[in-house]
Amino acid sequence: MGPFEIAAIAIIGGFAISGYKTYMKSKDRNNSQEVAALQDELTKLKQRVATLESIVTDKSYQLKEQINKL
């Protein structure tokens, strides 16, 4: 194996490592955006559940349900 072949392998390896690092950075950026979107959705869903819980546990709602069952 000559010096040119070794240099070519080193250059190709350098490009491969550089490309891999760039890929991982963009993947992390996309994942962080997705996580932020999921956290926003989770917050909204928690608020909706809290609202539904307050409606269902309201005494007037329970009274209406008892009347409707009759």
Protein backbone atom coordinates (compact mmCIF):
# COMPACT_ATOMS: atom_id res chain seq x y z
CA MET A 1 0.00 0.00 0.00
CA GLY A 2 1.56 3.22 -1.17
CA PRO A 3 1.46 6.71 0.33
CA PHE A 4 -1.22 7.87 -2.13
CA GLU A 5 -3.55 5.05 -1.15
CA ILE A 6 -3.08 5.82 2.55
CA ALA A 7 -3.74 9.52 1.92
CA ALA A 8 -6.87 8.69 -0.11
CA ILE A 9 -8.19 6.43 2.68
CA ALA A 10 -7.52 9.17 5.26
CA ILE A 11 -9.33 11.80 3.15
CA ILE A 12 -12.32 9.52 2.54
CA GLY A 13 -12.44 8.68 6.25
CA GLY A 14 -12.37 12.38 7.13
CA PHE A 15 -15.28 13.09 4.78
CA ALA A 16 -17.22 10.17 6.21
CA ILE A 17 -16.72 11.35 9.79
CA SER A 18 -17.65 14.92 8.86
CA GLY A 19 -20.80 13.76 7.10
CA TYR A 20 -21.78 11.58 10.06
CA LYS A 21 -21.33 14.46 12.52
CA THR A 22 -23.47 16.73 10.34
CA TYR A 23 -26.15 14.05 10.09
CA MET A 24 -26.25 13.57 13.86
CA LYS A 25 -26.52 17.33 14.50
CA SER A 26 -29.47 17.67 12.12
CA LYS A 27 -31.09 14.58 13.63
CA ASP A 28 -30.78 16.04 17.14
CA ARG A 29 -32.23 19.36 15.97
CA ASN A 30 -35.24 17.61 14.43
CA ASN A 31 -35.74 15.50 17.55
CA SER A 32 -35.69 18.56 19.80
CA GLN A 33 -38.34 20.24 17.63
CA GLU A 34 -40.48 17.11 17.77
CA VAL A 35 -40.08 16.87 21.55
CA ALA A 36 -41.13 20.50 21.96
CA ALA A 37 -44.23 19.91 19.84
CA LEU A 38 -45.13 16.81 21.85
CA GLN A 39 -44.67 18.69 25.12
CA ASP A 40 -47.02 21.44 23.91
CA GLU A 41 -49.61 18.85 22.92
CA LEU A 42 -49.26 17.11 26.30
CA THR A 43 -49.82 20.39 28.13
CA LYS A 44 -52.97 21.08 26.11
CA LEU A 45 -54.28 17.58 26.74
CA LYS A 46 -53.65 17.91 30.48
CA GLN A 47 -55.66 21.13 30.50
CA ARG A 48 -58.53 19.45 28.66
CA VAL A 49 -58.55 16.52 31.08
CA ALA A 50 -58.59 18.91 34.04
CA THR A 51 -61.56 20.73 32.52
CA LEU A 52 -63.43 17.47 31.94
CA GLU A 53 -62.69 16.32 35.48
CA SER A 54 -64.06 19.54 36.91
CA ILE A 55 -67.24 19.17 34.82
CA VAL A 56 -67.81 15.54 35.79
CA THR A 57 -67.16 16.09 39.48
CA ASP A 58 -69.49 19.10 39.60
CA LYS A 59 -72.52 18.38 41.81
CA SER A 60 -74.99 19.86 39.31
CA TYR A 61 -73.67 17.50 36.61
CA GLN A 62 -74.13 14.52 38.91
CA LEU A 63 -77.64 15.67 39.75
CA LYS A 64 -78.50 15.94 36.04
CA GLU A 65 -77.18 12.43 35.46
CA GLN A 66 -79.31 11.05 38.29
CA ILE A 67 -82.39 12.80 36.91
CA ASN A 68 -81.69 11.48 33.41
CA LYS A 69 -81.39 7.93 34.75
CA LEU A 70 -84.89 8.17 36.20
